[in-house]
Amino acid sequence: MHSKFLFLAILFWFGLTSCHDHGDENDKDAPVLLIEKPADNTVVSGKVEIHGKVTDKSLHELEIKVTKDSDGSELFKTTPSVHDKTEYSFDEHFTPSGLSGETSVTLTIIVEDHSDNVTNKSIKFKVKP
């Protein structure tokens, strides 16, 4: 019984420490994020294309989402797997639905590396069916 508890405790400890052990305490540089599409203050009809690239010594997490400015509701959200990569090009797309006319939205991209450095960028644009 005691050995089973010890085994579970060790597994739990490894689960807590395995990911952030990759961090470098000397790494003070946040990930570099380039958003190629959509451009700020544009109007997009139909399919919305989201293109860009992120680089870092050791990426951890990436979140891409588009929200309506009027109420904050999510029109699109994805969390591509970037764990341990040094470069990632994203090419996402979606077609907004349930909108009546031109709608103001915000694209927000948040990327974090293993040293807890975060880059957060937003692009404001409009979509229309």
N, C-alpha and C. Protein backbone atom coordinates (compact mmCIF):
# COMPACT_ATOMS: atom_id res chain seq x y z
N MET A 1 0.83 -1.19 0.00
CA MET A 1 0.00 0.00 0.00
C MET A 1 0.88 1.25 0.00
N HIS A 2 1.93 1.26 0.81
CA HIS A 2 2.82 2.42 0.90
C HIS A 2 3.51 2.67 -0.43
N SER A 3 3.95 1.62 -1.12
CA SER A 3 4.64 1.79 -2.39
C SER A 3 3.69 2.33 -3.47
N LYS A 4 2.43 1.96 -3.41
CA LYS A 4 1.45 2.48 -4.37
C LYS A 4 1.27 3.99 -4.17
N PHE A 5 1.21 4.44 -2.93
CA PHE A 5 1.08 5.86 -2.63
C PHE A 5 2.31 6.62 -3.11
N LEU A 6 3.48 6.07 -2.86
CA LEU A 6 4.72 6.71 -3.29
C LEU A 6 4.77 6.83 -4.81
N PHE A 7 4.37 5.77 -5.50
CA PHE A 7 4.34 5.78 -6.96
C PHE A 7 3.41 6.88 -7.48
N LEU A 8 2.21 6.99 -6.91
CA LEU A 8 1.26 8.02 -7.32
C LEU A 8 1.79 9.41 -7.02
N ALA A 9 2.45 9.58 -5.88
CA ALA A 9 3.02 10.88 -5.53
C ALA A 9 4.10 11.29 -6.52
N ILE A 10 4.92 10.35 -6.93
CA ILE A 10 5.98 10.63 -7.91
C ILE A 10 5.37 11.00 -9.26
N LEU A 11 4.35 10.26 -9.70
CA LEU A 11 3.68 10.58 -10.95
C LEU A 11 3.07 11.98 -10.91
N PHE A 12 2.44 12.34 -9.80
CA PHE A 12 1.84 13.66 -9.63
C PHE A 12 2.92 14.73 -9.70
N TRP A 13 4.05 14.53 -9.03
CA TRP A 13 5.13 15.51 -9.03
C TRP A 13 5.67 15.72 -10.45
N PHE A 14 5.89 14.63 -11.18
CA PHE A 14 6.37 14.74 -12.55
C PHE A 14 5.36 15.47 -13.42
N GLY A 15 4.08 15.25 -13.21
CA GLY A 15 3.04 15.93 -13.97
C GLY A 15 3.07 17.43 -13.73
N LEU A 16 3.37 17.85 -12.51
CA LEU A 16 3.41 19.27 -12.19
C LEU A 16 4.66 19.96 -12.72
N THR A 17 5.75 19.23 -12.78
CA THR A 17 7.02 19.88 -13.11
C THR A 17 7.52 19.60 -14.52
N SER A 18 6.94 18.64 -15.21
CA SER A 18 7.52 18.22 -16.48
C SER A 18 7.53 19.31 -17.54
N CYS A 19 6.49 20.10 -17.64
CA CYS A 19 6.41 21.08 -18.71
C CYS A 19 7.26 22.31 -18.44
N HIS A 20 7.11 22.93 -17.30
CA HIS A 20 7.84 24.16 -17.04
C HIS A 20 9.30 23.94 -16.68
N ASP A 21 9.74 22.69 -16.57
CA ASP A 21 11.15 22.43 -16.39
C ASP A 21 11.94 22.82 -17.64
N HIS A 22 11.26 22.95 -18.76
CA HIS A 22 11.93 23.33 -20.01
C HIS A 22 12.32 24.79 -20.00
N GLY A 23 11.74 25.58 -19.09
CA GLY A 23 12.00 27.01 -19.05
C GLY A 23 13.43 27.34 -18.70
N ASP A 24 13.88 28.44 -19.21
CA ASP A 24 15.22 28.93 -18.95
C ASP A 24 15.08 30.20 -18.14
N GLU A 25 15.55 30.19 -16.88
CA GLU A 25 15.36 31.35 -16.01
C GLU A 25 16.06 32.60 -16.55
N ASN A 26 17.01 32.43 -17.46
CA ASN A 26 17.70 33.57 -18.06
C ASN A 26 16.97 34.10 -19.30
N ASP A 27 15.95 33.36 -19.75
CA ASP A 27 15.19 33.78 -20.94
C ASP A 27 14.19 34.85 -20.54
N LYS A 28 14.48 36.08 -20.89
CA LYS A 28 13.59 37.20 -20.61
C LYS A 28 12.90 37.69 -21.88
N ASP A 29 13.17 37.03 -23.02
CA ASP A 29 12.62 37.46 -24.30
C ASP A 29 11.26 36.80 -24.55
N ALA A 30 10.26 37.65 -24.77
CA ALA A 30 8.92 37.15 -25.09
C ALA A 30 8.92 36.60 -26.52
N PRO A 31 8.00 35.69 -26.82
CA PRO A 31 7.89 35.18 -28.18
C PRO A 31 7.65 36.31 -29.18
N VAL A 32 8.14 36.14 -30.40
CA VAL A 32 7.93 37.11 -31.46
C VAL A 32 6.73 36.66 -32.28
N LEU A 33 5.74 37.55 -32.41
CA LEU A 33 4.50 37.23 -33.10
C LEU A 33 4.28 38.19 -34.26
N LEU A 34 4.07 37.63 -35.45
CA LEU A 34 3.78 38.40 -36.65
C LEU A 34 2.40 37.98 -37.16
N ILE A 35 1.48 38.95 -37.26
CA ILE A 35 0.16 38.68 -37.82
C ILE A 35 0.13 39.26 -39.22
N GLU A 36 -0.01 38.38 -40.22
CA GLU A 36 -0.02 38.80 -41.61
C GLU A 36 -1.43 39.12 -42.12
N LYS A 37 -2.41 38.34 -41.68
CA LYS A 37 -3.81 38.53 -42.05
C LYS A 37 -4.69 38.24 -40.85
N PRO A 38 -5.76 38.93 -40.67
CA PRO A 38 -6.24 40.08 -41.41
C PRO A 38 -5.50 41.35 -41.01
N ALA A 39 -5.58 42.36 -41.82
CA ALA A 39 -4.96 43.64 -41.50
C ALA A 39 -5.87 44.43 -40.57
N ASP A 40 -5.28 45.28 -39.77
CA ASP A 40 -6.01 46.13 -38.84
C ASP A 40 -6.96 47.05 -39.62
N ASN A 41 -8.16 47.24 -39.09
CA ASN A 41 -9.16 48.17 -39.64
C ASN A 41 -9.62 47.85 -41.06
N THR A 42 -9.66 46.57 -41.43
CA THR A 42 -10.16 46.18 -42.74
C THR A 42 -11.57 45.61 -42.59
N VAL A 43 -12.23 45.38 -43.71
CA VAL A 43 -13.53 44.71 -43.74
C VAL A 43 -13.35 43.41 -44.50
N VAL A 44 -13.75 42.30 -43.87
CA VAL A 44 -13.61 40.98 -44.48
C VAL A 44 -15.01 40.44 -44.78
N SER A 45 -15.23 40.06 -46.03
CA SER A 45 -16.51 39.47 -46.43
C SER A 45 -16.36 37.96 -46.53
N GLY A 46 -17.32 37.23 -45.98
CA GLY A 46 -17.28 35.77 -46.07
C GLY A 46 -16.24 35.16 -45.17
N LYS A 47 -15.40 34.28 -45.75
CA LYS A 47 -14.39 33.55 -44.97
C LYS A 47 -13.30 34.47 -44.43
N VAL A 48 -13.03 34.34 -43.13
CA VAL A 48 -11.96 35.09 -42.48
C VAL A 48 -10.72 34.22 -42.45
N GLU A 49 -9.61 34.75 -42.99
CA GLU A 49 -8.35 34.02 -42.97
C GLU A 49 -7.41 34.67 -41.96
N ILE A 50 -6.80 33.83 -41.12
CA ILE A 50 -5.88 34.30 -40.08
C ILE A 50 -4.53 33.65 -40.35
N HIS A 51 -3.56 34.46 -40.75
CA HIS A 51 -2.22 33.96 -41.09
C HIS A 51 -1.18 34.70 -40.25
N GLY A 52 -0.14 33.97 -39.88
CA GLY A 52 0.96 34.60 -39.17
C GLY A 52 1.99 33.58 -38.74
N LYS A 53 2.91 34.06 -37.91
CA LYS A 53 4.01 33.21 -37.47
C LYS A 53 4.46 33.64 -36.08
N VAL A 54 4.87 32.66 -35.29
CA VAL A 54 5.41 32.93 -33.96
C VAL A 54 6.72 32.17 -33.82
N THR A 55 7.71 32.82 -33.18
CA THR A 55 9.01 32.19 -32.94
C THR A 55 9.45 32.45 -31.51
N ASP A 56 10.23 31.52 -30.99
CA ASP A 56 10.80 31.63 -29.64
C ASP A 56 11.77 30.48 -29.43
N LYS A 57 12.55 30.55 -28.36
CA LYS A 57 13.49 29.47 -28.02
C LYS A 57 12.76 28.17 -27.69
N SER A 58 11.60 28.29 -27.01
CA SER A 58 10.82 27.11 -26.64
C SER A 58 9.38 27.52 -26.38
N LEU A 59 8.54 27.38 -27.41
CA LEU A 59 7.13 27.75 -27.28
C LEU A 59 6.40 26.81 -26.34
N HIS A 60 5.37 27.34 -25.69
CA HIS A 60 4.58 26.53 -24.77
C HIS A 60 3.12 26.46 -25.21
N GLU A 61 2.43 27.62 -25.31
CA GLU A 61 1.02 27.63 -25.65
C GLU A 61 0.70 28.77 -26.62
N LEU A 62 -0.34 28.55 -27.44
CA LEU A 62 -0.81 29.55 -28.38
C LEU A 62 -2.33 29.51 -28.39
N GLU A 63 -2.94 30.70 -28.30
CA GLU A 63 -4.40 30.80 -28.39
C GLU A 63 -4.74 31.87 -29.41
N ILE A 64 -5.66 31.53 -30.32
CA ILE A 64 -6.13 32.45 -31.36
C ILE A 64 -7.64 32.53 -31.20
N LYS A 65 -8.17 33.75 -31.04
CA LYS A 65 -9.62 33.86 -30.95
C LYS A 65 -10.11 35.17 -31.56
N VAL A 66 -11.36 35.12 -32.04
CA VAL A 66 -12.02 36.28 -32.60
C VAL A 66 -13.32 36.47 -31.81
N THR A 67 -13.50 37.69 -31.29
CA THR A 67 -14.69 38.00 -30.51
C THR A 67 -15.43 39.20 -31.09
N LYS A 68 -16.76 39.21 -30.89
CA LYS A 68 -17.56 40.36 -31.28
C LYS A 68 -17.30 41.49 -30.30
N ASP A 69 -17.06 42.70 -30.82
CA ASP A 69 -16.81 43.85 -29.95
C ASP A 69 -18.05 44.23 -29.14
N SER A 70 -19.23 44.02 -29.69
CA SER A 70 -20.46 44.46 -29.03
C SER A 70 -20.75 43.72 -27.73
N ASP A 71 -20.46 42.42 -27.68
CA ASP A 71 -20.80 41.66 -26.47
C ASP A 71 -19.70 40.70 -26.00
N GLY A 72 -18.57 40.65 -26.70
CA GLY A 72 -17.47 39.78 -26.29
C GLY A 72 -17.64 38.31 -26.62
N SER A 73 -18.74 37.96 -27.31
CA SER A 73 -18.96 36.55 -27.62
C SER A 73 -17.93 36.06 -28.64
N GLU A 74 -17.55 34.79 -28.51
CA GLU A 74 -16.53 34.20 -29.38
C GLU A 74 -17.14 33.75 -30.70
N LEU A 75 -16.53 34.18 -31.78
CA LEU A 75 -16.91 33.70 -33.11
C LEU A 75 -16.00 32.56 -33.55
N PHE A 76 -14.77 32.56 -33.01
CA PHE A 76 -13.77 31.55 -33.39
C PHE A 76 -12.73 31.45 -32.29
N LYS A 77 -12.30 30.21 -32.01
CA LYS A 77 -11.21 30.01 -31.04
C LYS A 77 -10.50 28.70 -31.36
N THR A 78 -9.17 28.75 -31.30
CA THR A 78 -8.37 27.55 -31.48
C THR A 78 -7.10 27.65 -30.66
N THR A 79 -6.57 26.52 -30.27
CA THR A 79 -5.32 26.46 -29.50
C THR A 79 -4.39 25.44 -30.18
N PRO A 80 -3.74 25.86 -31.26
CA PRO A 80 -2.84 24.94 -31.97
C PRO A 80 -1.72 24.43 -31.06
N SER A 81 -1.26 23.22 -31.31
CA SER A 81 -0.19 22.63 -30.53
C SER A 81 1.16 23.19 -30.98
N VAL A 82 1.80 23.95 -30.08
CA VAL A 82 3.10 24.54 -30.39
C VAL A 82 4.17 24.10 -29.39
N HIS A 83 3.81 23.21 -28.50
CA HIS A 83 4.68 22.82 -27.39
C HIS A 83 6.06 22.39 -27.86
N ASP A 84 7.08 23.04 -27.31
CA ASP A 84 8.50 22.75 -27.58
C ASP A 84 8.99 23.16 -28.97
N LYS A 85 8.13 23.78 -29.77
CA LYS A 85 8.57 24.23 -31.09
C LYS A 85 9.31 25.56 -30.95
N THR A 86 10.14 25.88 -31.93
CA THR A 86 10.83 27.17 -31.95
C THR A 86 10.22 28.10 -32.98
N GLU A 87 9.40 27.54 -33.87
CA GLU A 87 8.74 28.33 -34.90
C GLU A 87 7.43 27.66 -35.26
N TYR A 88 6.40 28.47 -35.46
CA TYR A 88 5.10 27.92 -35.85
C TYR A 88 4.39 28.93 -36.74
N SER A 89 4.00 28.49 -37.93
CA SER A 89 3.21 29.32 -38.84
C SER A 89 1.76 28.88 -38.72
N PHE A 90 0.87 29.83 -38.48
CA PHE A 90 -0.54 29.47 -38.37
C PHE A 90 -1.31 29.93 -39.60
N ASP A 91 -2.27 29.11 -39.99
CA ASP A 91 -3.11 29.36 -41.15
C ASP A 91 -4.50 28.85 -40.79
N GLU A 92 -5.28 29.69 -40.16
CA GLU A 92 -6.61 29.33 -39.69
C GLU A 92 -7.65 30.07 -40.51
N HIS A 93 -8.85 29.55 -40.57
CA HIS A 93 -9.93 30.25 -41.25
C HIS A 93 -11.28 29.80 -40.70
N PHE A 94 -12.25 30.69 -40.81
CA PHE A 94 -13.61 30.37 -40.41
C PHE A 94 -14.56 31.31 -41.15
N THR A 95 -15.81 30.90 -41.25
CA THR A 95 -16.84 31.74 -41.86
C THR A 95 -17.83 32.11 -40.77
N PRO A 96 -17.89 33.39 -40.41
CA PRO A 96 -18.81 33.81 -39.36
C PRO A 96 -20.27 33.53 -39.77
N SER A 97 -21.07 33.15 -38.81
CA SER A 97 -22.48 32.90 -39.09
C SER A 97 -23.34 33.62 -38.05
N GLY A 98 -24.60 33.82 -38.39
CA GLY A 98 -25.53 34.43 -37.46
C GLY A 98 -25.33 35.93 -37.28
N LEU A 99 -24.63 36.56 -38.20
CA LEU A 99 -24.40 38.01 -38.10
C LEU A 99 -25.36 38.74 -39.04
N SER A 100 -25.81 39.89 -38.60
CA SER A 100 -26.67 40.70 -39.47
C SER A 100 -25.90 41.97 -39.85
N GLY A 101 -25.38 41.98 -41.04
CA GLY A 101 -24.64 43.14 -41.50
C GLY A 101 -23.20 43.16 -41.01
N GLU A 102 -22.56 44.31 -41.20
CA GLU A 102 -21.17 44.50 -40.82
C GLU A 102 -21.03 44.48 -39.30
N THR A 103 -20.07 43.69 -38.80
CA THR A 103 -19.89 43.50 -37.35
C THR A 103 -18.44 43.76 -36.98
N SER A 104 -18.24 44.60 -35.98
CA SER A 104 -16.89 44.88 -35.48
C SER A 104 -16.42 43.73 -34.60
N VAL A 105 -15.19 43.27 -34.86
CA VAL A 105 -14.62 42.14 -34.12
C VAL A 105 -13.17 42.43 -33.75
N THR A 106 -12.65 41.61 -32.84
CA THR A 106 -11.24 41.71 -32.44
C THR A 106 -10.62 40.32 -32.50
N LEU A 107 -9.50 40.23 -33.21
CA LEU A 107 -8.67 39.03 -33.22
C LEU A 107 -7.63 39.22 -32.12
N THR A 108 -7.56 38.26 -31.20
CA THR A 108 -6.56 38.30 -30.14
C THR A 108 -5.72 37.03 -30.21
N ILE A 109 -4.41 37.21 -30.22
CA ILE A 109 -3.50 36.07 -30.23
C ILE A 109 -2.58 36.20 -29.02
N ILE A 110 -2.54 35.13 -28.22
CA ILE A 110 -1.70 35.10 -27.03
C ILE A 110 -0.76 33.90 -27.17
N VAL A 111 0.53 34.17 -27.01
CA VAL A 111 1.52 33.09 -27.09
C VAL A 111 2.44 33.18 -25.88
N GLU A 112 2.74 32.02 -25.31
CA GLU A 112 3.59 31.93 -24.11
C GLU A 112 4.71 30.95 -24.36
N ASP A 113 5.89 31.27 -23.81
CA ASP A 113 7.00 30.32 -23.91
C ASP A 113 7.16 29.58 -22.58
N HIS A 114 8.12 28.68 -22.53
CA HIS A 114 8.33 27.87 -21.32
C HIS A 114 8.91 28.66 -20.15
N SER A 115 9.36 29.87 -20.40
CA SER A 115 9.89 30.70 -19.31
C SER A 115 8.86 31.72 -18.84
N ASP A 116 7.60 31.47 -19.18
CA ASP A 116 6.46 32.31 -18.77
C ASP A 116 6.48 33.71 -19.38
N ASN A 117 7.22 33.90 -20.47
CA ASN A 117 7.17 35.16 -21.21
C ASN A 117 5.96 35.10 -22.14
N VAL A 118 5.18 36.19 -22.20
CA VAL A 118 3.94 36.20 -22.96
C VAL A 118 3.93 37.36 -23.95
N THR A 119 3.43 37.07 -25.15
CA THR A 119 3.16 38.10 -26.14
C THR A 119 1.67 38.05 -26.44
N ASN A 120 1.03 39.22 -26.46
CA ASN A 120 -0.40 39.33 -26.67
C ASN A 120 -0.62 40.45 -27.68
N LYS A 121 -1.24 40.12 -28.82
CA LYS A 121 -1.53 41.14 -29.85
C LYS A 121 -2.99 41.05 -30.26
N SER A 122 -3.55 42.21 -30.58
CA SER A 122 -4.94 42.28 -31.04
C SER A 122 -5.03 43.08 -32.33
N ILE A 123 -5.95 42.65 -33.19
CA ILE A 123 -6.25 43.32 -34.45
C ILE A 123 -7.76 43.57 -34.47
N LYS A 124 -8.15 44.79 -34.74
CA LYS A 124 -9.57 45.13 -34.86
C LYS A 124 -9.91 45.20 -36.35
N PHE A 125 -11.03 44.55 -36.72
CA PHE A 125 -11.50 44.60 -38.09
C PHE A 125 -13.00 44.35 -38.10
N LYS A 126 -13.61 44.36 -39.27
CA LYS A 126 -15.04 44.13 -39.39
C LYS A 126 -15.28 42.95 -40.31
N VAL A 127 -16.32 42.19 -39.99
CA VAL A 127 -16.73 41.08 -40.85
C VAL A 127 -18.14 41.34 -41.33
N LYS A 128 -18.42 40.83 -42.53
CA LYS A 128 -19.79 40.89 -43.02
C LYS A 128 -20.08 39.63 -43.82
N PRO A 129 -21.32 39.19 -43.71
CA PRO A 129 -21.70 37.94 -44.39
C PRO A 129 -21.57 38.04 -45.90
